[in-house]
Amino acid sequence: MKIKHIKEADLVVVGSGIGGLTAAKKASDKGLNVILVTSSKFCGGASYFPLKGTLGIQTTAHFPEDEKLFQEDINRVGLGMDNPHMVESYIKNIRESIGFLNEIGFEPWLRDDKRPACFAKYPRDIYLIKDWEKAKTNASKIFNSIENLKIEENYKIVKILQKNNCVDGAIFQDKNGDFLLIKTKVIVMATGGVAGLYKHNLYPEDVDGSGHIVALDAGAQVTNMEFIQFIPAFITPKYNTLYGEHTAKYVTGMFDLNGKLIYPGIDDEKARKLWIERSAYAPFSCDFESFKIDLAMVNSIDENNGGVELKFHPDLYKDSGEFYTVYLNWLKESMNIDMCKDKITIAPFAHGCNGGVMVDQFGKTSVDGLYAIGELSSSVEGANRLGGNSVGGALVFGNQSVLNAYEYLKNLENKDVKNRDTSELLNEFQVWISEIFGETDIKEDLLEKDEVVQKIKNTLTNYGLIKRNYESLKTGLDILENLKTKSLDGYFKIEAAKLLLISMINRNESRGAHYREDFPKRDSIPQRLVVSRKNNSFNIEK
């Protein structure tokens, strides 16, 4: 296996979203020699995906009692699947972490209104960010001026090299198939979630769960992968644009694409109550009676393989609330969309994943020197995600991971730990490649990467969407088991998709974002699914 480039660094950050940039900036501030590796261009991932006018970050309020209320909010919607050690660290550090946004090129401001965040019971301060292109320009100026930080674009991590449960380096591959070896004792992974594996998604295509498999192969564990957020977004008039859930209380009816009413609107007394409830949260959750609206949508889409049409009362544009005016103005000015005049069709789009790599309060995995932050990690959230915590978690644990890694590196210096020889590292990589691919005799069954991606997206969309049952999940898993590829990228996508369906199959209940029509009720005793890998196969513990 030829390695085109070999480099060394004190610390490597993988991913250039908000979490990755925060970690890279904080590490360089500590005087460490840092290499930031990104699978696309600098400033990537979900952080820079312009799905709506603004992104919000929820912070602890100024009064001391809010720490308890904030924790109560997260615990309530997490339904026993949240991570208390992460919650405590987040609540303690999020307010001071807002300033990190300025350090990486954003210009946050405090939202005027006190509307509670998605799923939240209590209102608190929410900071907003926008102007993604300006933020990218600012970040480029900031990071290009840092002497002890280098940026490697268009390289995807494929293997973490480790010995005795300690990181020794990593192998990356570019789009031409060339490999890069970076010798390092610390890797902070911020590769994002899994949404790119679905046909309809609100994330960039390279947010595909590959980082989860790389971390698992290194010896880390993952949890809560079955709790994926699906949020309605536009099919028309502008595909891949986020639907503002707060507008739901102005819906006059949901129709199939032939104009047949499939769910009544606010003029119906019983339906009105559900539309108002549905307007308070964006992601699908089976914990509210209004999930009937989402099921009606999915059942109709199953029949026509498109979307559903929503019609709105003109009073929508008379609502002067900031949450309405900002969103509706953005739609008109940036997307040329009028919710009352245009034909609005929506469908569930894959968005955030509440689960991920298991870490401690510093983002440290079970592998020494390996950290997972942002949506790659199983961070603050559980069965549901409280709005405004995603970006905040990337900020908090981007910093926390570096604080811990810095001490880890100092300890290694005191122990005078030596780096392994390049030849030994490359041999480890070669052995792993052979274990994955071996020799395939049935050449005609091998698929090109693009074919693999299309089959994965169709499979997850058809069998792993909102409405789940054992038979459909097992059918999807069987399809994935029979996919074969010689592409490393294809391999990771297949394994990540299998990880999702395996997790969904093993949770035999309905809880939060996970709905099983064959197990419609929630278990009285919550169980956490912990996934590990051995010999390139998944192991599940409950």
Protein backbone atom coordinates (compact mmCIF):
# COMPACT_ATOMS: atom_id res chain seq x y z
CA MET A 1 0.00 0.00 0.00
CA LYS A 2 1.69 3.20 -1.18
CA ILE A 3 1.52 6.26 1.04
CA LYS A 4 2.00 9.44 -0.94
CA HIS A 5 2.55 11.80 2.01
CA ILE A 6 3.80 11.35 5.58
CA LYS A 7 3.45 14.11 8.19
CA GLU A 8 3.67 14.58 11.94
CA ALA A 9 1.65 16.65 14.41
CA ASP A 10 1.08 16.97 18.13
CA LEU A 11 -2.66 16.89 17.56
CA VAL A 12 -4.84 16.15 14.53
CA VAL A 13 -8.38 17.49 14.16
CA VAL A 14 -10.62 15.67 11.66
CA GLY A 15 -13.47 17.84 10.40
CA SER A 16 -13.80 21.57 9.77
CA GLY A 17 -17.26 22.31 11.12
CA ILE A 18 -17.77 24.41 14.23
CA GLY A 19 -16.56 21.66 16.56
CA GLY A 20 -13.45 20.94 14.52
CA LEU A 21 -12.56 24.60 14.10
CA THR A 22 -13.01 25.24 17.82
CA ALA A 23 -10.73 22.33 18.73
CA ALA A 24 -8.10 23.34 16.17
CA LYS A 25 -8.09 26.96 17.33
CA LYS A 26 -7.86 26.05 21.00
CA ALA A 27 -5.08 23.52 20.35
CA SER A 28 -3.04 26.03 18.36
CA ASP A 29 -3.56 28.59 21.13
CA LYS A 30 -1.93 26.06 23.46
CA GLY A 31 1.17 26.08 21.26
CA LEU A 32 0.61 22.60 19.85
CA ASN A 33 1.50 21.77 16.26
CA VAL A 34 -1.90 21.05 14.72
CA ILE A 35 -3.03 19.55 11.43
CA LEU A 36 -6.69 20.11 10.54
CA VAL A 37 -7.94 17.54 8.03
CA THR A 38 -11.27 17.93 6.25
CA SER A 39 -13.00 15.61 3.79
CA SER A 40 -14.13 18.54 1.64
CA LYS A 41 -13.15 22.18 1.52
CA PHE A 42 -12.23 24.17 4.62
CA CYS A 43 -15.34 25.11 6.65
CA GLY A 44 -17.56 22.15 5.89
CA GLY A 45 -20.05 19.73 7.34
CA ALA A 46 -23.44 20.53 8.77
CA SER A 47 -22.18 23.72 10.45
CA TYR A 48 -21.94 25.52 7.10
CA PHE A 49 -24.95 23.96 5.42
CA PRO A 50 -27.40 26.87 4.81
CA LEU A 51 -30.62 25.04 5.63
CA LYS A 52 -32.35 28.09 7.11
CA GLY A 53 -31.85 31.76 7.89
CA THR A 54 -30.19 31.27 11.27
CA LEU A 55 -28.91 28.62 13.67
CA GLY A 56 -29.52 28.93 17.39
CA ILE A 57 -27.43 28.03 20.42
CA GLN A 58 -29.24 27.66 23.73
CA THR A 59 -27.33 28.79 26.83
CA THR A 60 -27.82 28.61 30.55
CA ALA A 61 -29.73 31.65 31.80
CA HIS A 62 -28.13 34.17 34.16
CA PHE A 63 -30.14 33.17 37.24
CA PRO A 64 -28.60 30.25 39.20
CA GLU A 65 -31.80 28.19 39.28
CA ASP A 66 -31.67 27.73 35.51
CA GLU A 67 -28.88 25.15 35.76
CA LYS A 68 -31.38 22.87 37.47
CA LEU A 69 -34.19 23.79 35.05
CA PHE A 70 -31.93 23.29 32.03
CA GLN A 71 -30.93 19.86 33.26
CA GLU A 72 -34.60 19.07 33.89
CA ASP A 73 -35.44 20.03 30.28
CA ILE A 74 -32.71 17.81 28.81
CA ASN A 75 -33.47 14.86 31.11
CA ARG A 76 -37.20 15.09 30.39
CA VAL A 77 -36.87 14.88 26.61
CA GLY A 78 -33.92 12.46 26.79
CA LEU A 79 -36.17 9.83 28.40
CA GLY A 80 -33.33 8.03 30.13
CA MET A 81 -31.13 7.98 27.05
CA ASP A 82 -29.27 11.25 27.69
CA ASN A 83 -25.77 11.36 29.18
CA PRO A 84 -25.78 13.07 32.61
CA HIS A 85 -22.00 13.66 32.71
CA MET A 86 -22.18 15.46 29.35
CA VAL A 87 -25.27 17.41 30.37
CA GLU A 88 -23.58 18.70 33.51
CA SER A 89 -20.47 19.79 31.60
CA TYR A 90 -22.53 21.44 28.88
CA ILE A 91 -24.71 23.44 31.25
CA LYS A 92 -21.68 24.58 33.22
CA ASN A 93 -19.66 25.72 30.19
CA ILE A 94 -22.02 26.78 27.40
CA ARG A 95 -22.45 30.46 28.29
CA GLU A 96 -18.72 31.24 28.24
CA SER A 97 -18.30 29.09 25.13
CA ILE A 98 -20.42 31.41 22.95
CA GLY A 99 -17.35 33.63 22.54
CA PHE A 100 -15.56 30.78 20.75
CA LEU A 101 -17.80 31.51 17.76
CA ASN A 102 -16.13 34.91 17.31
CA GLU A 103 -12.72 33.22 17.48
CA ILE A 104 -13.58 31.08 14.42
CA GLY A 105 -15.27 33.76 12.32
CA PHE A 106 -18.94 33.96 13.35
CA GLU A 107 -20.76 36.97 14.79
CA PRO A 108 -23.39 35.67 17.24
CA TRP A 109 -26.14 37.83 18.72
CA LEU A 110 -28.76 37.28 21.41
CA ARG A 111 -32.29 36.58 20.17
CA ASP A 112 -34.84 39.14 21.36
CA ASP A 113 -37.83 36.94 22.01
CA LYS A 114 -38.12 34.36 24.79
CA ARG A 115 -39.74 31.54 22.82
CA PRO A 116 -38.59 28.22 24.35
CA ALA A 117 -36.28 26.15 22.16
CA CYS A 118 -37.57 23.04 20.42
CA PHE A 119 -38.90 20.54 23.04
CA ALA A 120 -37.93 22.93 25.87
CA LYS A 121 -40.35 23.73 28.68
CA TYR A 122 -38.50 26.79 29.93
CA PRO A 123 -37.34 29.81 27.90
CA ARG A 124 -33.70 30.88 28.15
CA ASP A 125 -31.12 32.87 26.20
CA ILE A 126 -30.59 31.72 22.62
CA TYR A 127 -27.79 33.13 20.49
CA LEU A 128 -28.14 33.14 16.71
CA ILE A 129 -25.62 32.91 13.89
CA LYS A 130 -25.99 33.44 10.14
CA ASP A 131 -23.99 34.73 7.12
CA TRP A 132 -22.23 31.45 6.37
CA GLU A 133 -20.16 32.81 3.49
CA LYS A 134 -18.93 35.73 5.57
CA ALA A 135 -18.08 33.33 8.39
CA LYS A 136 -16.08 31.18 5.96
CA THR A 137 -14.13 34.22 4.77
CA ASN A 138 -13.43 35.26 8.34
CA ALA A 139 -12.35 31.74 9.31
CA SER A 140 -9.97 31.51 6.35
CA LYS A 141 -8.25 34.72 7.43
CA ILE A 142 -8.00 33.56 11.03
CA PHE A 143 -6.71 30.05 10.38
CA ASN A 144 -4.35 30.91 7.54
CA SER A 145 -2.57 33.30 9.90
CA ILE A 146 -1.84 30.60 12.51
CA GLU A 147 1.75 29.43 12.02
CA ASN A 148 1.49 26.22 14.05
CA LEU A 149 -1.63 25.00 12.22
CA LYS A 150 -1.77 23.35 8.78
CA ILE A 151 -4.89 22.51 6.78
CA GLU A 152 -5.31 19.40 4.62
CA GLU A 153 -8.40 19.54 2.40
CA ASN A 154 -10.22 16.72 0.60
CA TYR A 155 -8.81 13.93 2.76
CA LYS A 156 -11.10 11.45 4.50
CA ILE A 157 -9.97 9.47 7.53
CA VAL A 158 -9.94 5.71 6.90
CA LYS A 159 -7.91 4.20 9.74
CA ILE A 160 -6.79 5.16 13.22
CA LEU A 161 -3.52 3.45 14.06
CA GLN A 162 -3.17 2.40 17.69
CA LYS A 163 -1.23 0.04 19.90
CA ASN A 164 -2.04 -1.00 23.46
CA ASN A 165 -5.18 1.14 23.22
CA CYS A 166 -3.17 4.31 22.51
CA VAL A 167 -3.34 6.41 19.34
CA ASP A 168 -0.20 6.39 17.16
CA GLY A 169 -1.48 8.05 14.00
CA ALA A 170 -4.05 7.91 11.24
CA ILE A 171 -4.35 7.16 7.53
CA PHE A 172 -6.36 9.43 5.23
CA GLN A 173 -7.40 9.01 1.59
CA ASP A 174 -8.15 11.69 -0.98
CA LYS A 175 -10.59 11.51 -3.89
CA ASN A 176 -7.84 10.30 -6.22
CA GLY A 177 -7.17 7.29 -3.98
CA ASP A 178 -3.87 8.62 -2.62
CA PHE A 179 -3.07 8.04 1.05
CA LEU A 180 -1.72 10.38 3.71
CA LEU A 181 -0.15 9.13 6.96
CA ILE A 182 -0.05 11.51 9.91
CA LYS A 183 1.91 10.42 12.96
CA THR A 184 0.29 11.79 16.10
CA LYS A 185 -0.63 10.84 19.64
CA VAL A 186 -3.94 12.73 19.72
CA ILE A 187 -6.85 12.75 17.29
CA VAL A 188 -9.94 14.89 17.82
CA MET A 189 -12.64 13.62 15.49
CA ALA A 190 -15.47 15.95 14.47
CA THR A 191 -16.70 14.17 11.35
CA GLY A 192 -20.42 14.72 11.95
CA GLY A 193 -23.48 12.48 11.88
CA VAL A 194 -25.18 10.09 9.47
CA ALA A 195 -27.86 12.07 7.61
CA GLY A 196 -26.06 11.95 4.26
CA LEU A 197 -26.88 8.23 4.03
CA TYR A 198 -30.57 9.01 3.37
CA LYS A 199 -32.16 9.99 0.07
CA HIS A 200 -33.70 13.14 1.56
CA ASN A 201 -31.39 14.83 4.03
CA LEU A 202 -30.46 18.27 5.30
CA TYR A 203 -26.73 17.70 5.49
CA PRO A 204 -23.80 17.65 3.04
CA GLU A 205 -23.19 14.31 1.35
CA ASP A 206 -19.93 13.65 3.21
CA VAL A 207 -21.76 13.56 6.56
CA ASP A 208 -22.26 9.82 6.20
CA GLY A 209 -21.33 8.01 9.41
CA SER A 210 -17.85 7.03 8.20
CA GLY A 211 -16.30 8.52 11.32
CA HIS A 212 -18.41 6.25 13.51
CA ILE A 213 -17.00 3.14 11.82
CA VAL A 214 -13.42 4.46 11.97
CA ALA A 215 -13.82 5.12 15.70
CA LEU A 216 -15.41 1.70 16.27
CA ASP A 217 -12.59 -0.02 14.37
CA ALA A 218 -10.11 1.74 16.65
CA GLY A 219 -11.78 0.32 19.76
CA ALA A 220 -14.35 2.97 20.71
CA GLN A 221 -18.04 2.24 21.37
CA VAL A 222 -21.22 3.93 20.12
CA THR A 223 -24.72 4.27 21.52
CA ASN A 224 -28.17 5.70 20.71
CA MET A 225 -27.77 5.43 16.93
CA GLU A 226 -31.45 4.56 16.53
CA PHE A 227 -32.46 8.06 17.65
CA ILE A 228 -32.17 9.92 14.36
CA GLN A 229 -33.98 13.21 13.91
CA PHE A 230 -36.25 13.50 10.88
CA ILE A 231 -37.43 17.02 10.15
CA PRO A 232 -39.92 18.07 7.45
CA ALA A 233 -38.31 20.00 4.60
CA PHE A 234 -39.42 21.27 1.21
CA ILE A 235 -39.64 19.05 -1.83
CA THR A 236 -41.09 22.07 -3.68
CA PRO A 237 -40.79 24.93 -4.47
CA LYS A 238 -37.13 24.77 -3.35
CA TYR A 239 -35.81 21.29 -2.63
CA ASN A 240 -33.76 20.70 0.51
CA THR A 241 -34.97 23.80 2.36
CA LEU A 242 -35.96 23.49 6.01
CA TYR A 243 -39.67 23.78 6.79
CA GLY A 244 -40.27 26.07 9.79
CA GLU A 245 -42.32 23.97 12.20
CA HIS A 246 -43.71 27.07 13.95
CA THR A 247 -45.82 27.76 10.85
CA ALA A 248 -47.77 24.53 11.50
CA LYS A 249 -50.36 26.35 13.62
CA TYR A 250 -51.48 28.14 10.44
CA VAL A 251 -51.96 24.97 8.34
CA THR A 252 -55.44 24.70 6.83
CA GLY A 253 -54.92 21.16 5.55
CA MET A 254 -52.49 18.42 4.47
CA PHE A 255 -53.11 16.96 1.00
CA ASP A 256 -51.61 14.26 -1.17
CA LEU A 257 -50.19 15.24 -4.55
CA ASN A 258 -53.55 14.56 -6.19
CA GLY A 259 -55.24 17.14 -3.98
CA LYS A 260 -56.97 14.65 -1.66
CA LEU A 261 -57.20 15.76 1.97
CA ILE A 262 -55.18 13.36 4.15
CA TYR A 263 -55.25 15.34 7.40
CA PRO A 264 -57.51 18.28 8.34
CA GLY A 265 -56.11 21.67 9.34
CA ILE A 266 -56.79 24.26 12.01
CA ASP A 267 -60.45 24.67 11.04
CA ASP A 268 -61.08 21.22 12.49
CA GLU A 269 -61.34 21.50 16.30
CA LYS A 270 -59.51 18.22 17.12
CA ALA A 271 -56.85 18.69 14.46
CA ARG A 272 -56.22 22.29 15.50
CA LYS A 273 -54.97 21.13 18.90
CA LEU A 274 -52.51 18.75 17.25
CA TRP A 275 -51.25 21.33 14.73
CA ILE A 276 -50.59 23.78 17.56
CA GLU A 277 -48.72 21.09 19.47
CA ARG A 278 -46.75 20.16 16.34
CA SER A 279 -45.74 23.80 15.84
CA ALA A 280 -43.66 23.68 19.04
CA TYR A 281 -41.04 21.17 17.85
CA ALA A 282 -39.29 20.38 14.57
CA PRO A 283 -38.08 16.75 14.68
CA PHE A 284 -40.37 13.75 14.61
CA SER A 285 -41.09 12.28 18.04
CA CYS A 286 -43.57 9.59 19.03
CA ASP A 287 -43.89 11.14 22.51
CA PHE A 288 -46.61 13.57 21.43
CA GLU A 289 -50.13 12.91 20.19
CA SER A 290 -49.36 15.12 17.19
CA PHE A 291 -47.07 12.44 15.80
CA LYS A 292 -50.25 11.31 14.03
CA ILE A 293 -49.59 14.19 11.62
CA ASP A 294 -46.16 12.78 10.75
CA LEU A 295 -47.52 9.27 10.29
CA ALA A 296 -50.24 10.59 7.96
CA MET A 297 -47.49 12.28 5.96
CA VAL A 298 -45.35 9.13 5.77
CA ASN A 299 -48.29 6.89 4.86
CA SER A 300 -49.20 9.17 1.97
CA ILE A 301 -45.59 9.39 0.76
CA ASP A 302 -45.38 5.60 0.78
CA GLU A 303 -48.20 5.60 -1.75
CA ASN A 304 -47.05 8.35 -4.11
CA ASN A 305 -43.28 8.38 -3.45
CA GLY A 306 -43.23 12.16 -3.35
CA GLY A 307 -44.32 14.56 -0.65
CA VAL A 308 -47.46 16.02 0.84
CA GLU A 309 -48.87 19.49 0.23
CA LEU A 310 -49.55 21.96 3.03
CA LYS A 311 -51.86 24.94 2.67
CA PHE A 312 -51.69 27.93 5.01
CA HIS A 313 -54.00 30.61 6.37
CA PRO A 314 -53.00 34.16 5.30
CA ASP A 315 -52.74 35.16 8.99
CA LEU A 316 -49.34 33.46 8.88
CA TYR A 317 -47.83 36.64 7.41
CA LYS A 318 -49.49 38.81 10.07
CA ASP A 319 -47.58 37.10 12.89
CA SER A 320 -45.01 39.65 14.11
CA GLY A 321 -43.03 37.26 16.29
CA GLU A 322 -39.28 37.33 15.56
CA PHE A 323 -39.24 33.59 14.95
CA TYR A 324 -41.80 34.10 12.17
CA THR A 325 -40.52 37.29 10.60
CA VAL A 326 -36.90 36.12 10.38
CA TYR A 327 -37.85 32.80 8.80
CA LEU A 328 -40.52 34.11 6.41
CA ASN A 329 -38.34 37.03 5.29
CA TRP A 330 -35.45 34.65 4.67
CA LEU A 331 -37.71 32.42 2.56
CA LYS A 332 -38.84 35.37 0.46
CA GLU A 333 -35.50 37.12 0.08
CA SER A 334 -33.17 34.13 -0.25
CA MET A 335 -35.41 31.41 -1.69
CA ASN A 336 -38.18 33.42 -3.39
CA ILE A 337 -40.80 31.39 -1.51
CA ASP A 338 -44.19 32.62 -0.29
CA MET A 339 -45.82 30.03 1.97
CA CYS A 340 -49.36 31.17 1.07
CA LYS A 341 -48.92 31.67 -2.68
CA ASP A 342 -46.55 28.84 -3.68
CA LYS A 343 -47.30 25.12 -3.70
CA ILE A 344 -45.58 23.85 -0.57
CA THR A 345 -44.80 20.14 -0.55
CA ILE A 346 -42.80 18.59 2.24
CA ALA A 347 -41.40 15.21 3.32
CA PRO A 348 -39.33 13.94 6.27
CA PHE A 349 -35.62 14.66 5.79
CA ALA A 350 -32.86 13.03 7.82
CA HIS A 351 -31.20 15.61 10.03
CA GLY A 352 -29.35 15.15 13.33
CA CYS A 353 -28.36 11.93 15.03
CA ASN A 354 -28.71 12.02 18.81
CA GLY A 355 -26.35 9.11 19.31
CA GLY A 356 -22.74 8.48 18.43
CA VAL A 357 -19.38 7.61 19.93
CA MET A 358 -19.43 7.19 23.70
CA VAL A 359 -17.23 9.76 25.43
CA ASP A 360 -16.59 11.26 28.87
CA GLN A 361 -17.15 14.88 29.87
CA PHE A 362 -14.03 15.87 27.92
CA GLY A 363 -15.03 14.10 24.72
CA LYS A 364 -12.50 11.32 25.38
CA THR A 365 -13.32 7.85 24.05
CA SER A 366 -12.25 4.53 25.56
CA VAL A 367 -9.09 4.76 23.39
CA ASP A 368 -6.31 6.89 24.88
CA GLY A 369 -5.63 9.92 22.72
CA LEU A 370 -8.86 9.61 20.73
CA TYR A 371 -11.61 12.20 21.19
CA ALA A 372 -15.02 12.51 19.52
CA ILE A 373 -16.94 15.79 19.52
CA GLY A 374 -19.94 17.34 17.81
CA GLU A 375 -22.53 15.11 16.22
CA LEU A 376 -20.07 12.24 15.91
CA SER A 377 -20.33 11.79 19.68
CA SER A 378 -23.19 10.69 21.87
CA SER A 379 -23.17 14.03 23.58
CA VAL A 380 -25.87 15.79 25.58
CA GLU A 381 -28.98 14.34 23.95
CA GLY A 382 -31.03 11.19 24.33
CA ALA A 383 -34.24 9.95 22.76
CA ASN A 384 -35.06 13.54 21.69
CA ARG A 385 -32.79 16.53 21.17
CA LEU A 386 -33.48 19.83 22.87
CA GLY A 387 -33.28 22.62 20.30
CA GLY A 388 -30.19 24.82 20.30
CA ASN A 389 -27.85 22.29 21.94
CA SER A 390 -26.15 20.88 18.83
CA VAL A 391 -23.88 23.80 17.94
CA GLY A 392 -23.43 24.52 21.64
CA GLY A 393 -22.15 21.01 22.25
CA ALA A 394 -19.61 21.39 19.45
CA LEU A 395 -18.29 24.56 21.10
CA VAL A 396 -18.15 23.21 24.64
CA PHE A 397 -16.58 19.85 23.90
CA GLY A 398 -14.34 21.20 21.16
CA ASN A 399 -12.67 23.17 23.93
CA GLN A 400 -12.96 20.50 26.64
CA SER A 401 -11.30 17.88 24.44
CA VAL A 402 -8.26 20.09 23.88
CA LEU A 403 -7.91 20.89 27.59
CA ASN A 404 -7.80 17.16 28.34
CA ALA A 405 -5.59 16.30 25.35
CA TYR A 406 -3.04 18.94 26.34
CA GLU A 407 -2.61 17.31 29.75
CA TYR A 408 -2.47 13.87 28.13
CA LEU A 409 0.38 14.99 25.86
CA LYS A 410 2.30 16.52 28.76
CA ASN A 411 2.00 13.23 30.63
CA LEU A 412 3.33 11.33 27.60
CA GLU A 413 6.34 13.68 27.46
CA ASN A 414 7.09 12.95 31.10
CA LYS A 415 6.99 9.23 30.33
CA ASP A 416 9.19 9.76 27.25
CA VAL A 417 6.83 7.75 25.00
CA LYS A 418 8.36 7.02 21.60
CA ASN A 419 6.61 7.01 18.22
CA ARG A 420 6.37 3.74 16.33
CA ASP A 421 8.35 3.29 13.13
CA THR A 422 6.62 4.22 9.88
CA SER A 423 7.01 0.69 8.55
CA GLU A 424 5.19 -0.75 11.56
CA LEU A 425 2.32 1.70 11.13
CA LEU A 426 1.99 0.94 7.43
CA ASN A 427 2.01 -2.77 8.09
CA GLU A 428 -0.88 -2.36 10.53
CA PHE A 429 -2.81 -0.56 7.81
CA GLN A 430 -2.02 -3.21 5.20
CA VAL A 431 -3.16 -6.03 7.45
CA TRP A 432 -6.43 -4.22 8.11
CA ILE A 433 -7.06 -3.65 4.38
CA SER A 434 -6.54 -7.36 3.75
CA GLU A 435 -8.96 -8.27 6.52
CA ILE A 436 -11.67 -6.08 5.01
CA PHE A 437 -11.45 -6.93 1.35
CA GLY A 438 -9.47 -10.15 1.09
CA GLU A 439 -9.89 -11.82 -2.27
CA THR A 440 -13.32 -11.61 -3.88
CA ASP A 441 -13.96 -14.27 -6.51
CA ILE A 442 -17.37 -13.04 -7.67
CA LYS A 443 -16.15 -9.96 -9.52
CA GLU A 444 -19.51 -9.25 -11.15
CA ASP A 445 -21.10 -8.65 -7.72
CA LEU A 446 -18.78 -5.74 -6.96
CA LEU A 447 -20.41 -2.33 -7.24
CA GLU A 448 -18.93 1.03 -8.06
CA LYS A 449 -19.04 3.64 -5.31
CA ASP A 450 -21.91 5.63 -6.90
CA GLU A 451 -24.02 2.49 -7.21
CA VAL A 452 -23.34 1.62 -3.59
CA VAL A 453 -24.34 5.09 -2.40
CA GLN A 454 -27.61 4.98 -4.35
CA LYS A 455 -28.51 1.53 -3.01
CA ILE A 456 -27.74 2.61 0.56
CA LYS A 457 -29.88 5.74 0.27
CA ASN A 458 -32.80 3.85 -1.22
CA THR A 459 -32.50 1.09 1.38
CA LEU A 460 -32.43 3.39 4.41
CA THR A 461 -35.22 5.57 3.02
CA ASN A 462 -37.44 2.58 2.25
CA TYR A 463 -36.74 0.54 5.41
CA GLY A 464 -35.24 2.84 8.07
CA LEU A 465 -37.33 6.00 8.02
CA ILE A 466 -39.82 7.12 10.70
CA LYS A 467 -42.20 4.14 10.67
CA ARG A 468 -40.27 0.98 11.55
CA ASN A 469 -40.96 -2.68 12.20
CA TYR A 470 -38.83 -5.81 12.40
CA GLU A 471 -39.69 -7.16 8.97
CA SER A 472 -38.82 -3.96 7.09
CA LEU A 473 -35.66 -3.35 9.12
CA LYS A 474 -34.48 -6.93 8.55
CA THR A 475 -35.20 -6.65 4.83
CA GLY A 476 -33.09 -3.51 4.65
CA LEU A 477 -30.27 -5.10 6.63
CA ASP A 478 -30.25 -8.15 4.33
CA ILE A 479 -29.89 -5.84 1.31
CA LEU A 480 -26.92 -4.08 2.91
CA GLU A 481 -25.28 -7.38 3.89
CA ASN A 482 -25.25 -8.38 0.23
CA LEU A 483 -23.63 -5.16 -1.03
CA LYS A 484 -20.01 -5.60 -2.04
CA THR A 485 -17.47 -2.97 -3.00
CA LYS A 486 -13.71 -2.48 -3.33
CA SER A 487 -14.02 1.20 -2.38
CA LEU A 488 -13.04 2.17 1.16
CA ASP A 489 -15.57 4.99 1.06
CA GLY A 490 -18.27 2.56 -0.06
CA TYR A 491 -17.24 0.13 2.69
CA PHE A 492 -17.66 2.76 5.39
CA LYS A 493 -21.05 3.85 4.07
CA ILE A 494 -22.32 0.27 3.99
CA GLU A 495 -21.10 -0.39 7.53
CA ALA A 496 -22.56 2.88 8.84
CA ALA A 497 -25.94 2.08 7.29
CA LYS A 498 -25.83 -1.41 8.84
CA LEU A 499 -25.03 0.18 12.21
CA LEU A 500 -28.23 2.24 11.97
CA LEU A 501 -30.52 -0.66 11.07
CA ILE A 502 -28.95 -2.98 13.65
CA SER A 503 -29.56 -0.36 16.33
CA MET A 504 -33.17 0.12 15.21
CA ILE A 505 -33.81 -3.63 15.20
CA ASN A 506 -32.48 -4.08 18.73
CA ARG A 507 -34.66 -1.41 20.35
CA ASN A 508 -37.99 -3.20 20.73
CA GLU A 509 -40.01 -0.22 21.93
CA SER A 510 -41.05 3.27 20.82
CA ARG A 511 -39.16 6.11 22.48
CA GLY A 512 -38.59 9.66 21.24
CA ALA A 513 -37.26 9.71 17.70
CA HIS A 514 -37.47 5.90 17.45
CA TYR A 515 -40.93 4.55 16.54
CA ARG A 516 -41.66 0.84 16.10
CA GLU A 517 -45.20 0.14 14.92
CA ASP A 518 -44.76 -3.48 16.13
CA PHE A 519 -43.70 -2.17 19.57
CA PRO A 520 -45.73 1.06 19.87
CA LYS A 521 -45.29 1.51 23.63
CA ARG A 522 -42.35 2.69 25.68
CA ASP A 523 -40.66 0.21 28.02
CA SER A 524 -40.95 1.09 31.71
CA ILE A 525 -37.25 0.40 32.26
CA PRO A 526 -34.94 2.15 29.77
CA GLN A 527 -32.13 0.15 28.20
CA ARG A 528 -29.10 1.61 26.48
CA LEU A 529 -27.76 -0.15 23.39
CA VAL A 530 -23.96 -0.12 23.30
CA VAL A 531 -22.32 -1.15 20.02
CA SER A 532 -18.72 -2.23 19.57
CA ARG A 533 -16.80 -3.95 16.78
CA LYS A 534 -14.50 -6.94 16.67
CA ASN A 535 -13.11 -8.57 13.55
CA ASN A 536 -15.07 -6.03 11.47
CA SER A 537 -18.39 -7.21 12.91
CA PHE A 538 -20.84 -5.44 15.22
CA ASN A 539 -21.52 -6.52 18.80
CA ILE A 540 -24.56 -5.23 20.74
CA GLU A 541 -24.91 -5.04 24.51
CA LYS A 542 -28.06 -3.89 26.32
